[in-house]
Amino acid sequence: MCGDFKVINSQLAVEQYPIPRFEELFHKLRNGKRFSKIDLSDAYLQLELDEEAKEIAVINTLFGLYQYQRLPFGIASAPAIFQAFLEQVISGIPGCANYLDDIIVTGSSIEEHS
């Protein structure tokens, strides 16, 4: 289900978090010889909303009001929230970086990459 969050977004204090530039990703992964990209399916929906956010993330449907329980696509803060979350999850893992919902894993050999 996809909602129109224009009204909600206009009232949000949009969270800011730097999305990495490609140059930064290339530098971080520069020693890699083998690469894999993992695309996280419905990535934002993996994050549960807190109670305050659940009260706000509500859309009107033909069947009545629908309250999101997880971070929906279309919320202006979603990219920053997810980037910060995933960076924290993969921090400290050598040869690993993320760009929003994509994780890039690299190694200098097949053995290291596996």
PDB file of N, CA and C in Angstrom:
ATOM      1  N   MET A   1       0.851  -1.164   0.000  1.00  0.00           N
ATOM      2  CA  MET A   1       0.000   0.000   0.000  1.00  0.00           C
ATOM      3  C   MET A   1       0.905   1.236   0.000  1.00  0.00           C
ATOM      4  N   CYS A   2       0.590   2.169  -0.849  1.00  0.00           N
ATOM      5  CA  CYS A   2       1.388   3.382  -0.964  1.00  0.00           C
ATOM      6  C   CYS A   2       0.517   4.581  -0.625  1.00  0.00           C
ATOM      7  N   GLY A   3       1.006   5.426   0.252  1.00  0.00           N
ATOM      8  CA  GLY A   3       0.241   6.595   0.670  1.00  0.00           C
ATOM      9  C   GLY A   3       0.778   7.874   0.063  1.00  0.00           C
ATOM     10  N   ASP A   4      -0.050   8.883   0.057  1.00  0.00           N
ATOM     11  CA  ASP A   4       0.349  10.224  -0.361  1.00  0.00           C
ATOM     12  C   ASP A   4       0.625  11.010   0.917  1.00  0.00           C
ATOM     13  N   PHE A   5       1.886  11.293   1.165  1.00  0.00           N
ATOM     14  CA  PHE A   5       2.289  11.916   2.422  1.00  0.00           C
ATOM     15  C   PHE A   5       2.609  13.405   2.279  1.00  0.00           C
ATOM     16  N   LYS A   6       2.053  14.068   1.258  1.00  0.00           N
ATOM     17  CA  LYS A   6       2.342  15.494   1.057  1.00  0.00           C
ATOM     18  C   LYS A   6       1.992  16.326   2.281  1.00  0.00           C
ATOM     19  N   VAL A   7       0.832  16.092   2.849  1.00  0.00           N
ATOM     20  CA  VAL A   7       0.399  16.884   4.011  1.00  0.00           C
ATOM     21  C   VAL A   7       1.298  16.599   5.208  1.00  0.00           C
ATOM     22  N   ILE A   8       1.570  15.331   5.463  1.00  0.00           N
ATOM     23  CA  ILE A   8       2.443  14.966   6.584  1.00  0.00           C
ATOM     24  C   ILE A   8       3.835  15.549   6.375  1.00  0.00           C
ATOM     25  N   ASN A   9       4.399  15.377   5.173  1.00  0.00           N
ATOM     26  CA  ASN A   9       5.749  15.874   4.895  1.00  0.00           C
ATOM     27  C   ASN A   9       5.853  17.383   5.064  1.00  0.00           C
ATOM     28  N   SER A  10       4.786  18.103   4.737  1.00  0.00           N
ATOM     29  CA  SER A  10       4.825  19.567   4.866  1.00  0.00           C
ATOM     30  C   SER A  10       4.896  20.001   6.327  1.00  0.00           C
ATOM     31  N   GLN A  11       4.507  19.122   7.237  1.00  0.00           N
ATOM     32  CA  GLN A  11       4.507  19.453   8.664  1.00  0.00           C
ATOM     33  C   GLN A  11       5.700  18.854   9.416  1.00  0.00           C
ATOM     34  N   LEU A  12       6.473  18.015   8.760  1.00  0.00           N
ATOM     35  CA  LEU A  12       7.594  17.338   9.416  1.00  0.00           C
ATOM     36  C   LEU A  12       8.817  18.231   9.531  1.00  0.00           C
ATOM     37  N   ALA A  13       9.540  18.056  10.619  1.00  0.00           N
ATOM     38  CA  ALA A  13      10.909  18.554  10.698  1.00  0.00           C
ATOM     39  C   ALA A  13      11.738  17.417  10.104  1.00  0.00           C
ATOM     40  N   VAL A  14      12.087  17.543   8.840  1.00  0.00           N
ATOM     41  CA  VAL A  14      12.717  16.445   8.107  1.00  0.00           C
ATOM     42  C   VAL A  14      14.096  16.157   8.687  1.00  0.00           C
ATOM     43  N   GLU A  15      14.312  14.886   9.043  1.00  0.00           N
ATOM     44  CA  GLU A  15      15.612  14.478   9.575  1.00  0.00           C
ATOM     45  C   GLU A  15      16.660  14.587   8.483  1.00  0.00           C
ATOM     46  N   GLN A  16      17.836  15.050   8.877  1.00  0.00           N
ATOM     47  CA  GLN A  16      18.939  15.207   7.944  1.00  0.00           C
ATOM     48  C   GLN A  16      20.037  14.211   8.305  1.00  0.00           C
ATOM     49  N   TYR A  17      20.557  13.527   7.314  1.00  0.00           N
ATOM     50  CA  TYR A  17      21.700  12.636   7.493  1.00  0.00           C
ATOM     51  C   TYR A  17      22.383  12.569   6.137  1.00  0.00           C
ATOM     52  N   PRO A  18      23.706  12.675   6.109  1.00  0.00           N
ATOM     53  CA  PRO A  18      24.380  12.720   4.806  1.00  0.00           C
ATOM     54  C   PRO A  18      24.302  11.387   4.058  1.00  0.00           C
ATOM     55  N   ILE A  19      23.819  11.457   2.846  1.00  0.00           N
ATOM     56  CA  ILE A  19      23.840  10.308   1.942  1.00  0.00           C
ATOM     57  C   ILE A  19      25.224  10.321   1.294  1.00  0.00           C
ATOM     58  N   PRO A  20      25.951   9.196   1.315  1.00  0.00           N
ATOM     59  CA  PRO A  20      27.325   9.231   0.796  1.00  0.00           C
ATOM     60  C   PRO A  20      27.374   9.554  -0.694  1.00  0.00           C
ATOM     61  N   ARG A  21      28.396  10.308  -1.054  1.00  0.00           N
ATOM     62  CA  ARG A  21      28.643  10.574  -2.470  1.00  0.00           C
ATOM     63  C   ARG A  21      29.337   9.353  -3.064  1.00  0.00           C
ATOM     64  N   PHE A  22      29.188   9.154  -4.358  1.00  0.00           N
ATOM     65  CA  PHE A  22      29.796   7.990  -4.997  1.00  0.00           C
ATOM     66  C   PHE A  22      31.312   8.000  -4.841  1.00  0.00           C
ATOM     67  N   GLU A  23      31.920   9.176  -4.857  1.00  0.00           N
ATOM     68  CA  GLU A  23      33.372   9.271  -4.678  1.00  0.00           C
ATOM     69  C   GLU A  23      33.781   8.701  -3.325  1.00  0.00           C
ATOM     70  N   GLU A  24      32.980   8.960  -2.289  1.00  0.00           N
ATOM     71  CA  GLU A  24      33.273   8.431  -0.952  1.00  0.00           C
ATOM     72  C   GLU A  24      33.163   6.908  -0.935  1.00  0.00           C
ATOM     73  N   LEU A  25      32.140   6.386  -1.604  1.00  0.00           N
ATOM     74  CA  LEU A  25      31.981   4.928  -1.670  1.00  0.00           C
ATOM     75  C   LEU A  25      33.135   4.288  -2.433  1.00  0.00           C
ATOM     76  N   PHE A  26      33.514   4.874  -3.570  1.00  0.00           N
ATOM     77  CA  PHE A  26      34.626   4.330  -4.352  1.00  0.00           C
ATOM     78  C   PHE A  26      35.908   4.332  -3.530  1.00  0.00           C
ATOM     79  N   HIS A  27      36.139   5.406  -2.774  1.00  0.00           N
ATOM     80  CA  HIS A  27      37.342   5.483  -1.944  1.00  0.00           C
ATOM     81  C   HIS A  27      37.316   4.410  -0.856  1.00  0.00           C
ATOM     82  N   LYS A  28      36.192   4.246  -0.213  1.00  0.00           N
ATOM     83  CA  LYS A  28      36.073   3.268   0.871  1.00  0.00           C
ATOM     84  C   LYS A  28      36.281   1.839   0.369  1.00  0.00           C
ATOM     85  N   LEU A  29      35.864   1.560  -0.863  1.00  0.00           N
ATOM     86  CA  LEU A  29      35.926   0.206  -1.411  1.00  0.00           C
ATOM     87  C   LEU A  29      37.063   0.036  -2.420  1.00  0.00           C
ATOM     88  N   ARG A  30      38.009   0.959  -2.424  1.00  0.00           N
ATOM     89  CA  ARG A  30      39.039   1.033  -3.461  1.00  0.00           C
ATOM     90  C   ARG A  30      39.940  -0.196  -3.559  1.00  0.00           C
ATOM     91  N   ASN A  31      40.119  -0.951  -2.491  1.00  0.00           N
ATOM     92  CA  ASN A  31      41.024  -2.103  -2.525  1.00  0.00           C
ATOM     93  C   ASN A  31      40.341  -3.387  -2.992  1.00  0.00           C
ATOM     94  N   GLY A  32      39.085  -3.300  -3.323  1.00  0.00           N
ATOM     95  CA  GLY A  32      38.344  -4.494  -3.717  1.00  0.00           C
ATOM     96  C   GLY A  32      38.636  -4.948  -5.133  1.00  0.00           C
ATOM     97  N   LYS A  33      38.603  -6.249  -5.310  1.00  0.00           N
ATOM     98  CA  LYS A  33      38.749  -6.853  -6.640  1.00  0.00           C
ATOM     99  C   LYS A  33      37.460  -7.578  -7.043  1.00  0.00           C
ATOM    100  N   ARG A  34      36.735  -8.054  -6.056  1.00  0.00           N
ATOM    101  CA  ARG A  34      35.454  -8.743  -6.265  1.00  0.00           C
ATOM    102  C   ARG A  34      34.377  -7.952  -5.539  1.00  0.00           C
ATOM    103  N   PHE A  35      33.239  -7.772  -6.186  1.00  0.00           N
ATOM    104  CA  PHE A  35      32.172  -6.962  -5.604  1.00  0.00           C
ATOM    105  C   PHE A  35      30.839  -7.690  -5.683  1.00  0.00           C
ATOM    106  N   SER A  36      30.023  -7.465  -4.677  1.00  0.00           N
ATOM    107  CA  SER A  36      28.631  -7.920  -4.685  1.00  0.00           C
ATOM    108  C   SER A  36      27.762  -6.776  -4.203  1.00  0.00           C
ATOM    109  N   LYS A  37      26.573  -6.689  -4.781  1.00  0.00           N
ATOM    110  CA  LYS A  37      25.604  -5.690  -4.330  1.00  0.00           C
ATOM    111  C   LYS A  37      24.382  -6.426  -3.811  1.00  0.00           C
ATOM    112  N   ILE A  38      23.984  -6.071  -2.612  1.00  0.00           N
ATOM    113  CA  ILE A  38      22.795  -6.655  -2.002  1.00  0.00           C
ATOM    114  C   ILE A  38      21.734  -5.567  -1.966  1.00  0.00           C
ATOM    115  N   ASP A  39      20.623  -5.807  -2.651  1.00  0.00           N
ATOM    116  CA  ASP A  39      19.520  -4.844  -2.668  1.00  0.00           C
ATOM    117  C   ASP A  39      18.482  -5.314  -1.658  1.00  0.00           C
ATOM    118  N   LEU A  40      18.269  -4.530  -0.625  1.00  0.00           N
ATOM    119  CA  LEU A  40      17.325  -4.906   0.423  1.00  0.00           C
ATOM    120  C   LEU A  40      15.902  -4.627  -0.042  1.00  0.00           C
ATOM    121  N   SER A  41      15.118  -5.656  -0.164  1.00  0.00           N
ATOM    122  CA  SER A  41      13.741  -5.546  -0.641  1.00  0.00           C
ATOM    123  C   SER A  41      12.866  -4.858   0.401  1.00  0.00           C
ATOM    124  N   ASP A  42      12.083  -3.874  -0.041  1.00  0.00           N
ATOM    125  CA  ASP A  42      11.192  -3.134   0.867  1.00  0.00           C
ATOM    126  C   ASP A  42      11.930  -2.674   2.123  1.00  0.00           C
ATOM    127  N   ALA A  43      13.103  -2.133   1.913  1.00  0.00           N
ATOM    128  CA  ALA A  43      14.025  -1.839   3.010  1.00  0.00           C
ATOM    129  C   ALA A  43      13.420  -0.980   4.113  1.00  0.00           C
ATOM    130  N   TYR A  44      12.782   0.115   3.756  1.00  0.00           N
ATOM    131  CA  TYR A  44      12.260   1.015   4.789  1.00  0.00           C
ATOM    132  C   TYR A  44      11.239   0.301   5.667  1.00  0.00           C
ATOM    133  N   LEU A  45      10.494  -0.614   5.070  1.00  0.00           N
ATOM    134  CA  LEU A  45       9.451  -1.328   5.818  1.00  0.00           C
ATOM    135  C   LEU A  45      10.029  -2.277   6.868  1.00  0.00           C
ATOM    136  N   GLN A  46      11.341  -2.443   6.886  1.00  0.00           N
ATOM    137  CA  GLN A  46      11.971  -3.280   7.912  1.00  0.00           C
ATOM    138  C   GLN A  46      12.078  -2.551   9.251  1.00  0.00           C
ATOM    139  N   LEU A  47      11.909  -1.225   9.229  1.00  0.00           N
ATOM    140  CA  LEU A  47      12.059  -0.431  10.454  1.00  0.00           C
ATOM    141  C   LEU A  47      10.702  -0.133  11.067  1.00  0.00           C
ATOM    142  N   GLU A  48      10.527  -0.525  12.317  1.00  0.00           N
ATOM    143  CA  GLU A  48       9.270  -0.277  13.017  1.00  0.00           C
ATOM    144  C   GLU A  48       9.206   1.178  13.474  1.00  0.00           C
ATOM    145  N   LEU A  49       8.048   1.784  13.342  1.00  0.00           N
ATOM    146  CA  LEU A  49       7.836   3.156  13.803  1.00  0.00           C
ATOM    147  C   LEU A  49       7.632   3.174  15.312  1.00  0.00           C
ATOM    148  N   ASP A  50       8.054   4.269  15.953  1.00  0.00           N
ATOM    149  CA  ASP A  50       7.729   4.420  17.372  1.00  0.00           C
ATOM    150  C   ASP A  50       6.272   4.866  17.488  1.00  0.00           C
ATOM    151  N   GLU A  51       5.756   4.876  18.699  1.00  0.00           N
ATOM    152  CA  GLU A  51       4.326   5.148  18.898  1.00  0.00           C
ATOM    153  C   GLU A  51       3.916   6.527  18.388  1.00  0.00           C
ATOM    154  N   GLU A  52       4.760   7.530  18.599  1.00  0.00           N
ATOM    155  CA  GLU A  52       4.442   8.885  18.133  1.00  0.00           C
ATOM    156  C   GLU A  52       4.341   8.923  16.607  1.00  0.00           C
ATOM    157  N   ALA A  53       5.274   8.267  15.928  1.00  0.00           N
ATOM    158  CA  ALA A  53       5.260   8.243  14.464  1.00  0.00           C
ATOM    159  C   ALA A  53       4.052   7.474  13.932  1.00  0.00           C
ATOM    160  N   LYS A  54       3.656   6.411  14.635  1.00  0.00           N
ATOM    161  CA  LYS A  54       2.475   5.644  14.210  1.00  0.00           C
ATOM    162  C   LYS A  54       1.221   6.509  14.232  1.00  0.00           C
ATOM    163  N   GLU A  55       1.138   7.430  15.181  1.00  0.00           N
ATOM    164  CA  GLU A  55      -0.019   8.324  15.273  1.00  0.00           C
ATOM    165  C   GLU A  55      -0.078   9.290  14.092  1.00  0.00           C
ATOM    166  N   ILE A  56       1.078   9.570  13.512  1.00  0.00           N
ATOM    167  CA  ILE A  56       1.164  10.525  12.406  1.00  0.00           C
ATOM    168  C   ILE A  56       1.032   9.829  11.049  1.00  0.00           C
ATOM    169  N   ALA A  57       1.612   8.645  10.927  1.00  0.00           N
ATOM    170  CA  ALA A  57       1.651   7.929   9.642  1.00  0.00           C
ATOM    171  C   ALA A  57       0.336   7.190   9.404  1.00  0.00           C
ATOM    172  N   VAL A  58      -0.697   7.953   9.096  1.00  0.00           N
ATOM    173  CA  VAL A  58      -2.040   7.412   8.874  1.00  0.00           C
ATOM    174  C   VAL A  58      -2.540   7.922   7.524  1.00  0.00           C
ATOM    175  N   ILE A  59      -3.124   7.016   6.736  1.00  0.00           N
ATOM    176  CA  ILE A  59      -3.720   7.421   5.463  1.00  0.00           C
ATOM    177  C   ILE A  59      -5.185   7.009   5.446  1.00  0.00           C
ATOM    178  N   ASN A  60      -5.959   7.714   4.634  1.00  0.00           N
ATOM    179  CA  ASN A  60      -7.381   7.428   4.480  1.00  0.00           C
ATOM    180  C   ASN A  60      -7.556   6.559   3.236  1.00  0.00           C
ATOM    181  N   THR A  61      -8.189   5.392   3.397  1.00  0.00           N
ATOM    182  CA  THR A  61      -8.417   4.479   2.277  1.00  0.00           C
ATOM    183  C   THR A  61      -9.915   4.283   2.075  1.00  0.00           C
ATOM    184  N   LEU A  62     -10.278   3.565   1.039  1.00  0.00           N
ATOM    185  CA  LEU A  62     -11.688   3.230   0.800  1.00  0.00           C
ATOM    186  C   LEU A  62     -12.283   2.424   1.952  1.00  0.00           C
ATOM    187  N   PHE A  63     -11.428   1.758   2.695  1.00  0.00           N
ATOM    188  CA  PHE A  63     -11.877   0.889   3.784  1.00  0.00           C
ATOM    189  C   PHE A  63     -11.728   1.545   5.155  1.00  0.00           C
ATOM    190  N   GLY A  64     -11.344   2.812   5.179  1.00  0.00           N
ATOM    191  CA  GLY A  64     -11.156   3.524   6.443  1.00  0.00           C
ATOM    192  C   GLY A  64      -9.706   3.937   6.634  1.00  0.00           C
ATOM    193  N   LEU A  65      -9.387   4.361   7.840  1.00  0.00           N
ATOM    194  CA  LEU A  65      -8.034   4.820   8.136  1.00  0.00           C
ATOM    195  C   LEU A  65      -7.083   3.637   8.274  1.00  0.00           C
ATOM    196  N   TYR A  66      -5.866   3.827   7.760  1.00  0.00           N
ATOM    197  CA  TYR A  66      -4.825   2.806   7.864  1.00  0.00           C
ATOM    198  C   TYR A  66      -3.635   3.435   8.564  1.00  0.00           C
ATOM    199  N   GLN A  67      -3.212   2.814   9.657  1.00  0.00           N
ATOM    200  CA  GLN A  67      -2.075   3.310  10.432  1.00  0.00           C
ATOM    201  C   GLN A  67      -0.857   2.437  10.133  1.00  0.00           C
ATOM    202  N   TYR A  68       0.181   3.069   9.600  1.00  0.00           N
ATOM    203  CA  TYR A  68       1.416   2.341   9.316  1.00  0.00           C
ATOM    204  C   TYR A  68       2.085   1.933  10.622  1.00  0.00           C
ATOM    205  N   GLN A  69       2.646   0.741  10.630  1.00  0.00           N
ATOM    206  CA  GLN A  69       3.408   0.234  11.763  1.00  0.00           C
ATOM    207  C   GLN A  69       4.912   0.295  11.478  1.00  0.00           C
ATOM    208  N   ARG A  70       5.240   0.420  10.193  1.00  0.00           N
ATOM    209  CA  ARG A  70       6.637   0.429   9.765  1.00  0.00           C
ATOM    210  C   ARG A  70       6.882   1.649   8.882  1.00  0.00           C
ATOM    211  N   LEU A  71       8.145   1.998   8.718  1.00  0.00           N
ATOM    212  CA  LEU A  71       8.526   3.198   7.973  1.00  0.00           C
ATOM    213  C   LEU A  71       8.092   3.074   6.513  1.00  0.00           C
ATOM    214  N   PRO A  72       7.130   3.891   6.083  1.00  0.00           N
ATOM    215  CA  PRO A  72       6.653   3.770   4.700  1.00  0.00           C
ATOM    216  C   PRO A  72       7.511   4.576   3.724  1.00  0.00           C
ATOM    217  N   PHE A  73       7.482   4.142   2.467  1.00  0.00           N
ATOM    218  CA  PHE A  73       8.081   4.926   1.397  1.00  0.00           C
ATOM    219  C   PHE A  73       7.237   6.185   1.240  1.00  0.00           C
ATOM    220  N   GLY A  74       7.884   7.303   0.956  1.00  0.00           N
ATOM    221  CA  GLY A  74       7.147   8.543   0.748  1.00  0.00           C
ATOM    222  C   GLY A  74       7.262   9.524   1.893  1.00  0.00           C
ATOM    223  N   ILE A  75       7.690   9.065   3.065  1.00  0.00           N
ATOM    224  CA  ILE A  75       7.936   9.977   4.186  1.00  0.00           C
ATOM    225  C   ILE A  75       9.264  10.681   3.906  1.00  0.00           C
ATOM    226  N   ALA A  76       9.290  11.994   3.986  1.00  0.00           N
ATOM    227  CA  ALA A  76      10.466  12.774   3.596  1.00  0.00           C
ATOM    228  C   ALA A  76      11.726  12.393   4.373  1.00  0.00           C
ATOM    229  N   SER A  77      11.588  11.967   5.606  1.00  0.00           N
ATOM    230  CA  SER A  77      12.745  11.603   6.432  1.00  0.00           C
ATOM    231  C   SER A  77      13.233  10.179   6.198  1.00  0.00           C
ATOM    232  N   ALA A  78      12.487   9.376   5.469  1.00  0.00           N
ATOM    233  CA  ALA A  78      12.808   7.952   5.329  1.00  0.00           C
ATOM    234  C   ALA A  78      14.222   7.682   4.806  1.00  0.00           C
ATOM    235  N   PRO A  79      14.691   8.350   3.747  1.00  0.00           N
ATOM    236  CA  PRO A  79      16.051   8.055   3.279  1.00  0.00           C
ATOM    237  C   PRO A  79      17.118   8.324   4.342  1.00  0.00           C
ATOM    238  N   ALA A  80      17.017   9.439   5.041  1.00  0.00           N
ATOM    239  CA  ALA A  80      18.005   9.769   6.075  1.00  0.00           C
ATOM    240  C   ALA A  80      17.943   8.777   7.232  1.00  0.00           C
ATOM    241  N   ILE A  81      16.741   8.433   7.658  1.00  0.00           N
ATOM    242  CA  ILE A  81      16.577   7.479   8.761  1.00  0.00           C
ATOM    243  C   ILE A  81      17.184   6.134   8.387  1.00  0.00           C
ATOM    244  N   PHE A  82      16.898   5.663   7.179  1.00  0.00           N
ATOM    245  CA  PHE A  82      17.391   4.345   6.785  1.00  0.00           C
ATOM    246  C   PHE A  82      18.896   4.356   6.556  1.00  0.00           C
ATOM    247  N   GLN A  83      19.431   5.412   5.944  1.00  0.00           N
ATOM    248  CA  GLN A  83      20.879   5.499   5.725  1.00  0.00           C
ATOM    249  C   GLN A  83      21.614   5.442   7.057  1.00  0.00           C
ATOM    250  N   ALA A  84      21.164   6.214   8.039  1.00  0.00           N
ATOM    251  CA  ALA A  84      21.806   6.225   9.359  1.00  0.00           C
ATOM    252  C   ALA A  84      21.716   4.852  10.020  1.00  0.00           C
ATOM    253  N   PHE A  85      20.549   4.219   9.937  1.00  0.00           N
ATOM    254  CA  PHE A  85      20.356   2.901  10.541  1.00  0.00           C
ATOM    255  C   PHE A  85      21.300   1.871   9.923  1.00  0.00           C
ATOM    256  N   LEU A  86      21.322   1.802   8.594  1.00  0.00           N
ATOM    257  CA  LEU A  86      22.122   0.776   7.936  1.00  0.00           C
ATOM    258  C   LEU A  86      23.616   1.026   8.113  1.00  0.00           C
ATOM    259  N   GLU A  87      24.045   2.279   8.112  1.00  0.00           N
ATOM    260  CA  GLU A  87      25.459   2.572   8.373  1.00  0.00           C
ATOM    261  C   GLU A  87      25.862   2.055   9.747  1.00  0.00           C
ATOM    262  N   GLN A  88      24.983   2.210  10.723  1.00  0.00           N
ATOM    263  CA  GLN A  88      25.272   1.721  12.069  1.00  0.00           C
ATOM    264  C   GLN A  88      25.368   0.191  12.074  1.00  0.00           C
ATOM    265  N   VAL A  89      24.488  -0.474  11.356  1.00  0.00           N
ATOM    266  CA  VAL A  89      24.482  -1.942  11.309  1.00  0.00           C
ATOM    267  C   VAL A  89      25.778  -2.479  10.706  1.00  0.00           C
ATOM    268  N   ILE A  90      26.261  -1.868   9.623  1.00  0.00           N
ATOM    269  CA  ILE A  90      27.429  -2.412   8.925  1.00  0.00           C
ATOM    270  C   ILE A  90      28.744  -1.775   9.360  1.00  0.00           C
ATOM    271  N   SER A  91      28.707  -0.819  10.284  1.00  0.00           N
ATOM    272  CA  SER A  91      29.949  -0.159  10.704  1.00  0.00           C
ATOM    273  C   SER A  91      30.917  -1.192  11.280  1.00  0.00           C
ATOM    274  N   GLY A  92      32.164  -1.038  10.940  1.00  0.00           N
ATOM    275  CA  GLY A  92      33.185  -1.950  11.437  1.00  0.00           C
ATOM    276  C   GLY A  92      33.375  -3.200  10.600  1.00  0.00           C
ATOM    277  N   ILE A  93      32.558  -3.390   9.578  1.00  0.00           N
ATOM    278  CA  ILE A  93      32.724  -4.552   8.698  1.00  0.00           C
ATOM    279  C   ILE A  93      33.610  -4.120   7.531  1.00  0.00           C
ATOM    280  N   PRO A  94      34.822  -4.668   7.442  1.00  0.00           N
ATOM    281  CA  PRO A  94      35.718  -4.252   6.362  1.00  0.00           C
ATOM    282  C   PRO A  94      35.148  -4.600   4.987  1.00  0.00           C
ATOM    283  N   GLY A  95      35.390  -3.720   4.026  1.00  0.00           N
ATOM    284  CA  GLY A  95      34.947  -3.964   2.658  1.00  0.00           C
ATOM    285  C   GLY A  95      33.446  -3.910   2.478  1.00  0.00           C
ATOM    286  N   CYS A  96      32.781  -3.139   3.324  1.00  0.00           N
ATOM    287  CA  CYS A  96      31.321  -3.080   3.275  1.00  0.00           C
ATOM    288  C   CYS A  96      30.874  -1.622   3.371  1.00  0.00           C
ATOM    289  N   ALA A  97      29.965  -1.243   2.494  1.00  0.00           N
ATOM    290  CA  ALA A  97      29.420   0.114   2.507  1.00  0.00           C
ATOM    291  C   ALA A  97      27.978   0.040   2.032  1.00  0.00           C
ATOM    292  N   ASN A  98      27.250   1.115   2.287  1.00  0.00           N
ATOM    293  CA  ASN A  98      25.870   1.129   1.794  1.00  0.00           C
ATOM    294  C   ASN A  98      25.533   2.468   1.174  1.00  0.00           C
ATOM    295  N   TYR A  99      24.588   2.399   0.251  1.00  0.00           N
ATOM    296  CA  TYR A  99      23.977   3.578  -0.346  1.00  0.00           C
ATOM    297  C   TYR A  99      22.483   3.340  -0.265  1.00  0.00           C
ATOM    298  N   LEU A 100      21.849   3.991   0.712  1.00  0.00           N
ATOM    299  CA  LEU A 100      20.434   3.798   0.998  1.00  0.00           C
ATOM    300  C   LEU A 100      20.149   2.317   1.229  1.00  0.00           C
ATOM    301  N   ASP A 101      19.379   1.671   0.348  1.00  0.00           N
ATOM    302  CA  ASP A 101      19.015   0.272   0.607  1.00  0.00           C
ATOM    303  C   ASP A 101      19.893  -0.727  -0.133  1.00  0.00           C
ATOM    304  N   ASP A 102      21.019  -0.273  -0.665  1.00  0.00           N
ATOM    305  CA  ASP A 102      21.968  -1.169  -1.324  1.00  0.00           C
ATOM    306  C   ASP A 102      23.206  -1.323  -0.449  1.00  0.00           C
ATOM    307  N   ILE A 103      23.621  -2.568  -0.240  1.00  0.00           N
ATOM    308  CA  ILE A 103      24.858  -2.855   0.490  1.00  0.00           C
ATOM    309  C   ILE A 103      25.863  -3.370  -0.525  1.00  0.00           C
ATOM    310  N   ILE A 104      27.066  -2.803  -0.513  1.00  0.00           N
ATOM    311  CA  ILE A 104      28.129  -3.232  -1.404  1.00  0.00           C
ATOM    312  C   ILE A 104      29.181  -3.921  -0.547  1.00  0.00           C
ATOM    313  N   VAL A 105      29.544  -5.132  -0.949  1.00  0.00           N
ATOM    314  CA  VAL A 105      30.539  -5.918  -0.224  1.00  0.00           C
ATOM    315  C   VAL A 105      31.674  -6.208  -1.188  1.00  0.00           C
ATOM    316  N   THR A 106      32.912  -6.052  -0.711  1.00  0.00           N
ATOM    317  CA  THR A 106      34.055  -6.295  -1.574  1.00  0.00           C
ATOM    318  C   THR A 106      35.153  -7.032  -0.815  1.00  0.00           C
ATOM    319  N   GLY A 107      36.035  -7.625  -1.576  1.00  0.00           N
ATOM    320  CA  GLY A 107      37.211  -8.285  -1.030  1.00  0.00           C
ATOM    321  C   GLY A 107      38.300  -8.276  -2.078  1.00  0.00           C
ATOM    322  N   SER A 108      39.538  -8.453  -1.630  1.00  0.00           N
ATOM    323  CA  SER A 108      40.651  -8.416  -2.578  1.00  0.00           C
ATOM    324  C   SER A 108      40.877  -9.769  -3.253  1.00  0.00           C
ATOM    325  N   SER A 109      40.184 -10.819  -2.774  1.00  0.00           N
ATOM    326  CA  SER A 109      40.282 -12.146  -3.386  1.00  0.00           C
ATOM    327  C   SER A 109      38.933 -12.853  -3.249  1.00  0.00           C
ATOM    328  N   ILE A 110      38.792 -13.976  -3.934  1.00  0.00           N
ATOM    329  CA  ILE A 110      37.551 -14.750  -3.825  1.00  0.00           C
ATOM    330  C   ILE A 110      37.354 -15.216  -2.392  1.00  0.00           C
ATOM    331  N   GLU A 111      38.432 -15.671  -1.753  1.00  0.00           N
ATOM    332  CA  GLU A 111      38.344 -16.163  -0.379  1.00  0.00           C
ATOM    333  C   GLU A 111      37.911 -15.055   0.577  1.00  0.00           C
ATOM    334  N   GLU A 112      38.522 -13.906   0.439  1.00  0.00           N
ATOM    335  CA  GLU A 112      38.180 -12.781   1.320  1.00  0.00           C
ATOM    336  C   GLU A 112      36.754 -12.305   1.068  1.00  0.00           C
ATOM    337  N   HIS A 113      36.359 -12.331  -0.185  1.00  0.00           N
ATOM    338  CA  HIS A 113      35.021 -11.866  -0.546  1.00  0.00           C
ATOM    339  C   HIS A 113      33.939 -12.818  -0.060  1.00  0.00           C
ATOM    340  N   SER A 114      34.253 -14.085  -0.012  1.00  0.00           N
ATOM    341  CA  SER A 114      33.270 -15.080   0.431  1.00  0.00           C
ATOM    342  C   SER A 114      33.053 -14.950   1.910  1.00  0.00           C
TER     343      SER A 114
END
